[in-house]
């Protein structure tokens, strides 16, 4: 029987989409948090980082309570004859929730390492806040943001527990590579499990090598945004 390759495309689509979402949300959350102190932001920090310490199955169960038919968002979606559970968007939601803390921590740490005197000097010269962020803060923080992107992609690619709880294992729709490995082992098909494991390793190494080449071998200028 020919090997069904759909888990590869599902995993790649999920990981790329998840990385894009967490990049935007992670940068926005880190910028918002950087200039705020107090109990409220600290509590929000705990919420942001909670998926990092909770078991993935617990995260998946909580997402199921939220997006299920009896959950607050699930009931809202039913009014539009829509459902998230056991669909491809569920794989993206599950992967985004568990990978967001890694992106957020990396971006926040990178932004905190930027010398505030450089930002203040740019403001003194008349640069707007957006220009300061795009031309000064973002290029300086880029290595940390890139590290967060790699970690988020790798975490999304390897996500299993939360995805299985929320999206299930539907071949051709929600069955990612980790889920395919799990069910191959359950069926005692070790050859298929090894094949999927090798595919996962190749994808991860290719992604890491590509990011390393882009950020190091091509020089720092090519790894910056808004340099024009």
C-alpha atoms as a PDB file:
ATOM      1  CA  UNK A   1       0.000   0.000   0.000  1.00  0.00           C
ATOM      2  CA  UNK A   2       1.350   3.442  -0.934  1.00  0.00           C
ATOM      3  CA  UNK A   3       2.188   5.724   1.943  1.00  0.00           C
ATOM      4  CA  UNK A   4      -0.349   8.503   2.439  1.00  0.00           C
ATOM      5  CA  UNK A   5       1.645  11.729   2.268  1.00  0.00           C
ATOM      6  CA  UNK A   6      -1.141  13.992   3.502  1.00  0.00           C
ATOM      7  CA  UNK A   7       0.336  14.263   7.050  1.00  0.00           C
ATOM      8  CA  UNK A   8       3.356  16.037   5.554  1.00  0.00           C
ATOM      9  CA  UNK A   9       1.284  18.734   3.875  1.00  0.00           C
ATOM     10  CA  UNK A  10      -1.052  19.069   6.855  1.00  0.00           C
ATOM     11  CA  UNK A  11       1.912  19.450   9.219  1.00  0.00           C
ATOM     12  CA  UNK A  12       3.661  21.983   6.982  1.00  0.00           C
ATOM     13  CA  UNK A  13       0.509  24.040   6.389  1.00  0.00           C
ATOM     14  CA  UNK A  14      -0.278  23.984  10.100  1.00  0.00           C
ATOM     15  CA  UNK A  15       3.266  24.886  11.161  1.00  0.00           C
ATOM     16  CA  UNK A  16       3.684  27.724   8.657  1.00  0.00           C
ATOM     17  CA  UNK A  17       0.268  29.196   9.461  1.00  0.00           C
ATOM     18  CA  UNK A  18       0.851  28.835  13.180  1.00  0.00           C
ATOM     19  CA  UNK A  19       4.285  30.462  12.977  1.00  0.00           C
ATOM     20  CA  UNK A  20       2.867  33.449  11.082  1.00  0.00           C
ATOM     21  CA  UNK A  21       0.077  33.890  13.634  1.00  0.00           C
ATOM     22  CA  UNK A  22       2.317  33.544  16.675  1.00  0.00           C
ATOM     23  CA  UNK A  23       4.906  35.889  15.146  1.00  0.00           C
ATOM     24  CA  UNK A  24       2.355  38.692  14.821  1.00  0.00           C
ATOM     25  CA  UNK A  25       0.730  38.023  18.195  1.00  0.00           C
ATOM     26  CA  UNK A  26       4.050  37.407  19.955  1.00  0.00           C
ATOM     27  CA  UNK A  27       5.621  40.649  18.744  1.00  0.00           C
ATOM     28  CA  UNK A  28       2.464  42.634  19.561  1.00  0.00           C
ATOM     29  CA  UNK A  29       2.177  41.111  23.046  1.00  0.00           C
ATOM     30  CA  UNK A  30       5.872  41.623  23.790  1.00  0.00           C
ATOM     31  CA  UNK A  31       5.753  45.283  22.723  1.00  0.00           C
ATOM     32  CA  UNK A  32       2.637  45.856  24.816  1.00  0.00           C
ATOM     33  CA  UNK A  33       4.174  44.152  27.849  1.00  0.00           C
ATOM     34  CA  UNK A  34       7.549  45.901  27.569  1.00  0.00           C
ATOM     35  CA  UNK A  35       6.239  49.264  28.775  1.00  0.00           C
ATOM     36  CA  UNK A  36       3.898  48.037  31.507  1.00  0.00           C
ATOM     37  CA  UNK A  37       4.442  47.089  35.119  1.00  0.00           C
ATOM     38  CA  UNK A  38       2.129  45.972  37.878  1.00  0.00           C
ATOM     39  CA  UNK A  39      -0.053  43.062  38.930  1.00  0.00           C
ATOM     40  CA  UNK A  40      -2.291  43.118  35.838  1.00  0.00           C
ATOM     41  CA  UNK A  41       0.472  42.676  33.244  1.00  0.00           C
ATOM     42  CA  UNK A  42       2.199  40.115  35.494  1.00  0.00           C
ATOM     43  CA  UNK A  43      -1.028  38.107  35.686  1.00  0.00           C
ATOM     44  CA  UNK A  44      -1.366  38.323  31.923  1.00  0.00           C
ATOM     45  CA  UNK A  45       2.205  37.037  31.670  1.00  0.00           C
ATOM     46  CA  UNK A  46       1.120  33.970  33.607  1.00  0.00           C
ATOM     47  CA  UNK A  47      -1.761  33.381  31.211  1.00  0.00           C
ATOM     48  CA  UNK A  48       0.540  33.764  28.194  1.00  0.00           C
ATOM     49  CA  UNK A  49       3.018  31.247  29.615  1.00  0.00           C
ATOM     50  CA  UNK A  50       0.493  28.763  31.021  1.00  0.00           C
ATOM     51  CA  UNK A  51       0.516  26.483  27.922  1.00  0.00           C
ATOM     52  CA  UNK A  52       4.267  26.124  28.397  1.00  0.00           C
ATOM     53  CA  UNK A  53       3.904  24.412  31.774  1.00  0.00           C
ATOM     54  CA  UNK A  54       0.597  22.583  31.371  1.00  0.00           C
ATOM     55  CA  UNK A  55       0.566  19.099  29.810  1.00  0.00           C
ATOM     56  CA  UNK A  56      -0.538  19.324  26.144  1.00  0.00           C
ATOM     57  CA  UNK A  57      -3.514  17.056  26.842  1.00  0.00           C
ATOM     58  CA  UNK A  58      -4.725  19.488  29.504  1.00  0.00           C
ATOM     59  CA  UNK A  59      -4.348  22.375  27.053  1.00  0.00           C
ATOM     60  CA  UNK A  60      -6.277  20.371  24.465  1.00  0.00           C
ATOM     61  CA  UNK A  61      -9.023  19.584  26.958  1.00  0.00           C
ATOM     62  CA  UNK A  62      -9.381  23.256  27.912  1.00  0.00           C
ATOM     63  CA  UNK A  63      -9.545  24.197  24.235  1.00  0.00           C
ATOM     64  CA  UNK A  64     -12.189  21.526  23.757  1.00  0.00           C
ATOM     65  CA  UNK A  65     -14.229  23.093  26.551  1.00  0.00           C
ATOM     66  CA  UNK A  66     -13.945  26.482  24.865  1.00  0.00           C
ATOM     67  CA  UNK A  67     -14.506  25.488  21.230  1.00  0.00           C
ATOM     68  CA  UNK A  68     -16.778  22.489  21.762  1.00  0.00           C
ATOM     69  CA  UNK A  69     -20.502  22.600  21.075  1.00  0.00           C
ATOM     70  CA  UNK A  70     -21.225  23.580  24.686  1.00  0.00           C
ATOM     71  CA  UNK A  71     -18.316  25.994  24.986  1.00  0.00           C
ATOM     72  CA  UNK A  72     -18.674  29.794  24.711  1.00  0.00           C
ATOM     73  CA  UNK A  73     -17.005  30.065  21.301  1.00  0.00           C
ATOM     74  CA  UNK A  74     -18.457  26.772  20.098  1.00  0.00           C
ATOM     75  CA  UNK A  75     -22.012  27.921  20.823  1.00  0.00           C
ATOM     76  CA  UNK A  76     -21.324  31.217  19.061  1.00  0.00           C
ATOM     77  CA  UNK A  77     -20.049  29.405  15.966  1.00  0.00           C
ATOM     78  CA  UNK A  78     -23.158  27.200  15.887  1.00  0.00           C
ATOM     79  CA  UNK A  79     -25.227  30.307  15.177  1.00  0.00           C
ATOM     80  CA  UNK A  80     -23.280  30.572  11.902  1.00  0.00           C
ATOM     81  CA  UNK A  81     -23.523  26.825  11.220  1.00  0.00           C
ATOM     82  CA  UNK A  82     -19.780  26.527  11.776  1.00  0.00           C
ATOM     83  CA  UNK A  83     -17.638  24.338  13.985  1.00  0.00           C
ATOM     84  CA  UNK A  84     -13.924  24.280  14.762  1.00  0.00           C
ATOM     85  CA  UNK A  85     -13.567  20.942  16.545  1.00  0.00           C
ATOM     86  CA  UNK A  86     -12.206  18.080  14.402  1.00  0.00           C
ATOM     87  CA  UNK A  87     -11.238  20.354  11.521  1.00  0.00           C
ATOM     88  CA  UNK A  88      -7.987  21.720  10.093  1.00  0.00           C
ATOM     89  CA  UNK A  89      -8.412  25.107  11.820  1.00  0.00           C
ATOM     90  CA  UNK A  90      -8.430  23.171  15.099  1.00  0.00           C
ATOM     91  CA  UNK A  91      -4.910  21.933  14.362  1.00  0.00           C
ATOM     92  CA  UNK A  92      -3.793  25.538  13.858  1.00  0.00           C
ATOM     93  CA  UNK A  93      -5.477  26.717  17.060  1.00  0.00           C
ATOM     94  CA  UNK A  94      -3.957  23.918  19.134  1.00  0.00           C
ATOM     95  CA  UNK A  95      -0.476  24.426  17.670  1.00  0.00           C
ATOM     96  CA  UNK A  96      -0.691  28.222  18.044  1.00  0.00           C
ATOM     97  CA  UNK A  97      -1.673  28.032  21.707  1.00  0.00           C
ATOM     98  CA  UNK A  98       1.194  25.710  22.679  1.00  0.00           C
ATOM     99  CA  UNK A  99       3.835  27.486  20.556  1.00  0.00           C
ATOM    100  CA  UNK A 100       2.879  31.081  21.426  1.00  0.00           C
ATOM    101  CA  UNK A 101       4.748  31.122  24.783  1.00  0.00           C
ATOM    102  CA  UNK A 102       8.050  30.280  23.078  1.00  0.00           C
ATOM    103  CA  UNK A 103       7.595  33.087  20.574  1.00  0.00           C
ATOM    104  CA  UNK A 104       6.497  35.536  23.248  1.00  0.00           C
ATOM    105  CA  UNK A 105       9.401  34.770  25.584  1.00  0.00           C
ATOM    106  CA  UNK A 106      11.985  35.036  22.791  1.00  0.00           C
ATOM    107  CA  UNK A 107      10.636  38.300  21.408  1.00  0.00           C
ATOM    108  CA  UNK A 108      10.227  39.868  24.827  1.00  0.00           C
ATOM    109  CA  UNK A 109      13.772  38.932  25.840  1.00  0.00           C
ATOM    110  CA  UNK A 110      15.096  40.314  22.539  1.00  0.00           C
ATOM    111  CA  UNK A 111      13.275  43.625  22.952  1.00  0.00           C
ATOM    112  CA  UNK A 112      14.468  43.985  26.539  1.00  0.00           C
ATOM    113  CA  UNK A 113      18.094  43.652  25.348  1.00  0.00           C
ATOM    114  CA  UNK A 114      17.807  46.692  23.073  1.00  0.00           C
ATOM    115  CA  UNK A 115      19.579  49.718  24.548  1.00  0.00           C
ATOM    116  CA  UNK A 116      16.831  52.258  25.395  1.00  0.00           C
ATOM    117  CA  UNK A 117      19.292  55.092  24.843  1.00  0.00           C
ATOM    118  CA  UNK A 118      19.408  54.232  21.136  1.00  0.00           C
ATOM    119  CA  UNK A 119      15.615  54.401  20.934  1.00  0.00           C
ATOM    120  CA  UNK A 120      15.564  57.705  22.780  1.00  0.00           C
ATOM    121  CA  UNK A 121      18.244  59.111  20.475  1.00  0.00           C
ATOM    122  CA  UNK A 122      16.135  58.226  17.436  1.00  0.00           C
ATOM    123  CA  UNK A 123      13.097  59.907  18.980  1.00  0.00           C
ATOM    124  CA  UNK A 124      15.196  62.986  19.747  1.00  0.00           C
ATOM    125  CA  UNK A 125      16.156  63.174  16.072  1.00  0.00           C
ATOM    126  CA  UNK A 126      12.473  63.343  15.180  1.00  0.00           C
ATOM    127  CA  UNK A 127      11.698  59.744  14.245  1.00  0.00           C
ATOM    128  CA  UNK A 128       8.145  58.580  14.830  1.00  0.00           C
ATOM    129  CA  UNK A 129       7.443  55.611  17.119  1.00  0.00           C
ATOM    130  CA  UNK A 130       6.754  53.381  14.107  1.00  0.00           C
ATOM    131  CA  UNK A 131      10.008  54.475  12.444  1.00  0.00           C
ATOM    132  CA  UNK A 132      11.939  53.891  15.679  1.00  0.00           C
ATOM    133  CA  UNK A 133      10.503  50.421  15.930  1.00  0.00           C
ATOM    134  CA  UNK A 134      11.016  49.542  12.250  1.00  0.00           C
ATOM    135  CA  UNK A 135      14.482  51.056  11.722  1.00  0.00           C
ATOM    136  CA  UNK A 136      16.110  50.699  15.152  1.00  0.00           C
ATOM    137  CA  UNK A 137      14.381  48.351  17.591  1.00  0.00           C
ATOM    138  CA  UNK A 138      13.332  45.608  15.189  1.00  0.00           C
ATOM    139  CA  UNK A 139      16.752  45.148  13.472  1.00  0.00           C
ATOM    140  CA  UNK A 140      18.494  45.009  16.864  1.00  0.00           C
ATOM    141  CA  UNK A 141      15.997  42.510  18.243  1.00  0.00           C
ATOM    142  CA  UNK A 142      15.882  40.437  15.060  1.00  0.00           C
ATOM    143  CA  UNK A 143      18.154  37.557  16.226  1.00  0.00           C
ATOM    144  CA  UNK A 144      15.839  36.905  19.179  1.00  0.00           C
ATOM    145  CA  UNK A 145      12.750  37.159  16.990  1.00  0.00           C
ATOM    146  CA  UNK A 146      14.304  34.716  14.531  1.00  0.00           C
ATOM    147  CA  UNK A 147      15.063  32.306  17.385  1.00  0.00           C
ATOM    148  CA  UNK A 148      11.451  32.548  18.520  1.00  0.00           C
ATOM    149  CA  UNK A 149      10.269  31.854  14.990  1.00  0.00           C
ATOM    150  CA  UNK A 150      12.383  28.695  14.795  1.00  0.00           C
ATOM    151  CA  UNK A 151      11.179  27.505  18.197  1.00  0.00           C
ATOM    152  CA  UNK A 152       7.544  28.210  17.366  1.00  0.00           C
ATOM    153  CA  UNK A 153       7.774  26.371  14.051  1.00  0.00           C
ATOM    154  CA  UNK A 154       9.474  23.372  15.659  1.00  0.00           C
ATOM    155  CA  UNK A 155       6.924  23.288  18.482  1.00  0.00           C
ATOM    156  CA  UNK A 156       4.020  23.492  16.048  1.00  0.00           C
ATOM    157  CA  UNK A 157       5.537  20.760  13.884  1.00  0.00           C
ATOM    158  CA  UNK A 158       5.873  18.443  16.864  1.00  0.00           C
ATOM    159  CA  UNK A 159       2.574  19.232  18.556  1.00  0.00           C
ATOM    160  CA  UNK A 160       0.600  16.114  19.446  1.00  0.00           C
ATOM    161  CA  UNK A 161      -1.501  16.107  22.616  1.00  0.00           C
ATOM    162  CA  UNK A 162      -3.532  19.283  22.218  1.00  0.00           C
ATOM    163  CA  UNK A 163      -4.016  18.630  18.502  1.00  0.00           C
ATOM    164  CA  UNK A 164      -5.315  15.112  19.099  1.00  0.00           C
ATOM    165  CA  UNK A 165      -7.763  16.373  21.733  1.00  0.00           C
ATOM    166  CA  UNK A 166      -9.139  19.253  19.686  1.00  0.00           C
ATOM    167  CA  UNK A 167      -8.718  18.138  16.064  1.00  0.00           C
ATOM    168  CA  UNK A 168      -8.640  14.356  16.334  1.00  0.00           C
ATOM    169  CA  UNK A 169      -6.944  12.115  13.813  1.00  0.00           C
ATOM    170  CA  UNK A 170      -8.813  12.375  10.526  1.00  0.00           C
ATOM    171  CA  UNK A 171      -6.663  11.148   7.597  1.00  0.00           C
ATOM    172  CA  UNK A 172      -6.318  13.833   4.953  1.00  0.00           C
ATOM    173  CA  UNK A 173      -7.753  16.536   7.248  1.00  0.00           C
ATOM    174  CA  UNK A 174      -6.220  16.699  10.716  1.00  0.00           C
ATOM    175  CA  UNK A 175      -3.699  13.855  10.883  1.00  0.00           C
ATOM    176  CA  UNK A 176      -0.303  15.490  11.316  1.00  0.00           C
ATOM    177  CA  UNK A 177       3.061  13.710  11.311  1.00  0.00           C
ATOM    178  CA  UNK A 178       3.226  13.218  15.118  1.00  0.00           C
ATOM    179  CA  UNK A 179      -0.295  11.775  15.138  1.00  0.00           C
ATOM    180  CA  UNK A 180       0.571   9.520  12.192  1.00  0.00           C
ATOM    181  CA  UNK A 181       3.611   8.263  14.128  1.00  0.00           C
ATOM    182  CA  UNK A 182       1.508   7.555  17.206  1.00  0.00           C
ATOM    183  CA  UNK A 183      -1.103   5.528  15.354  1.00  0.00           C
ATOM    184  CA  UNK A 184       1.566   3.703  13.340  1.00  0.00           C
ATOM    185  CA  UNK A 185       3.134   2.573  16.616  1.00  0.00           C
ATOM    186  CA  UNK A 186      -0.304   1.644  17.968  1.00  0.00           C
ATOM    187  CA  UNK A 187      -0.830  -0.533  14.897  1.00  0.00           C
ATOM    188  CA  UNK A 188       2.652  -2.064  15.406  1.00  0.00           C
ATOM    189  CA  UNK A 189       3.726  -0.687  12.015  1.00  0.00           C
ATOM    190  CA  UNK A 190       7.240   0.270  13.044  1.00  0.00           C
ATOM    191  CA  UNK A 191       8.471   0.773   9.472  1.00  0.00           C
ATOM    192  CA  UNK A 192       5.874   3.488   8.880  1.00  0.00           C
ATOM    193  CA  UNK A 193       6.597   5.037  12.283  1.00  0.00           C
ATOM    194  CA  UNK A 194      10.314   5.186  11.455  1.00  0.00           C
ATOM    195  CA  UNK A 195       9.564   6.652   8.021  1.00  0.00           C
ATOM    196  CA  UNK A 196       7.429   9.434   9.518  1.00  0.00           C
ATOM    197  CA  UNK A 197      10.029  10.101  12.193  1.00  0.00           C
ATOM    198  CA  UNK A 198      12.726  10.521   9.540  1.00  0.00           C
ATOM    199  CA  UNK A 199      10.474  12.888   7.573  1.00  0.00           C
ATOM    200  CA  UNK A 200       9.930  14.972  10.706  1.00  0.00           C
ATOM    201  CA  UNK A 201      13.685  15.103  11.377  1.00  0.00           C
ATOM    202  CA  UNK A 202      14.482  16.113   7.788  1.00  0.00           C
ATOM    203  CA  UNK A 203      11.902  18.913   7.817  1.00  0.00           C
ATOM    204  CA  UNK A 204      13.179  20.238  11.154  1.00  0.00           C
ATOM    205  CA  UNK A 205      16.835  20.149  10.129  1.00  0.00           C
ATOM    206  CA  UNK A 206      16.078  21.781   6.768  1.00  0.00           C
ATOM    207  CA  UNK A 207      14.197  24.581   8.465  1.00  0.00           C
ATOM    208  CA  UNK A 208      16.952  25.174  11.036  1.00  0.00           C
ATOM    209  CA  UNK A 209      19.687  25.062   8.401  1.00  0.00           C
ATOM    210  CA  UNK A 210      17.775  27.491   6.182  1.00  0.00           C
ATOM    211  CA  UNK A 211      17.277  29.951   9.026  1.00  0.00           C
ATOM    212  CA  UNK A 212      20.947  29.672   9.996  1.00  0.00           C
ATOM    213  CA  UNK A 213      22.057  30.377   6.436  1.00  0.00           C
ATOM    214  CA  UNK A 214      19.749  33.358   6.097  1.00  0.00           C
ATOM    215  CA  UNK A 215      20.694  34.936   9.422  1.00  0.00           C
ATOM    216  CA  UNK A 216      24.441  34.188   9.510  1.00  0.00           C
ATOM    217  CA  UNK A 217      26.040  33.264   6.193  1.00  0.00           C
ATOM    218  CA  UNK A 218      24.342  35.996   4.177  1.00  0.00           C
ATOM    219  CA  UNK A 219      25.368  38.644   6.666  1.00  0.00           C
ATOM    220  CA  UNK A 220      23.406  40.618   9.228  1.00  0.00           C
ATOM    221  CA  UNK A 221      22.118  43.152   6.735  1.00  0.00           C
ATOM    222  CA  UNK A 222      20.060  40.537   4.862  1.00  0.00           C
ATOM    223  CA  UNK A 223      18.423  39.450   8.101  1.00  0.00           C
ATOM    224  CA  UNK A 224      17.064  42.881   8.893  1.00  0.00           C
ATOM    225  CA  UNK A 225      13.640  44.287   8.236  1.00  0.00           C
ATOM    226  CA  UNK A 226      13.047  47.740   6.955  1.00  0.00           C
ATOM    227  CA  UNK A 227      16.623  48.437   6.024  1.00  0.00           C
ATOM    228  CA  UNK A 228      15.631  50.346   2.926  1.00  0.00           C
END
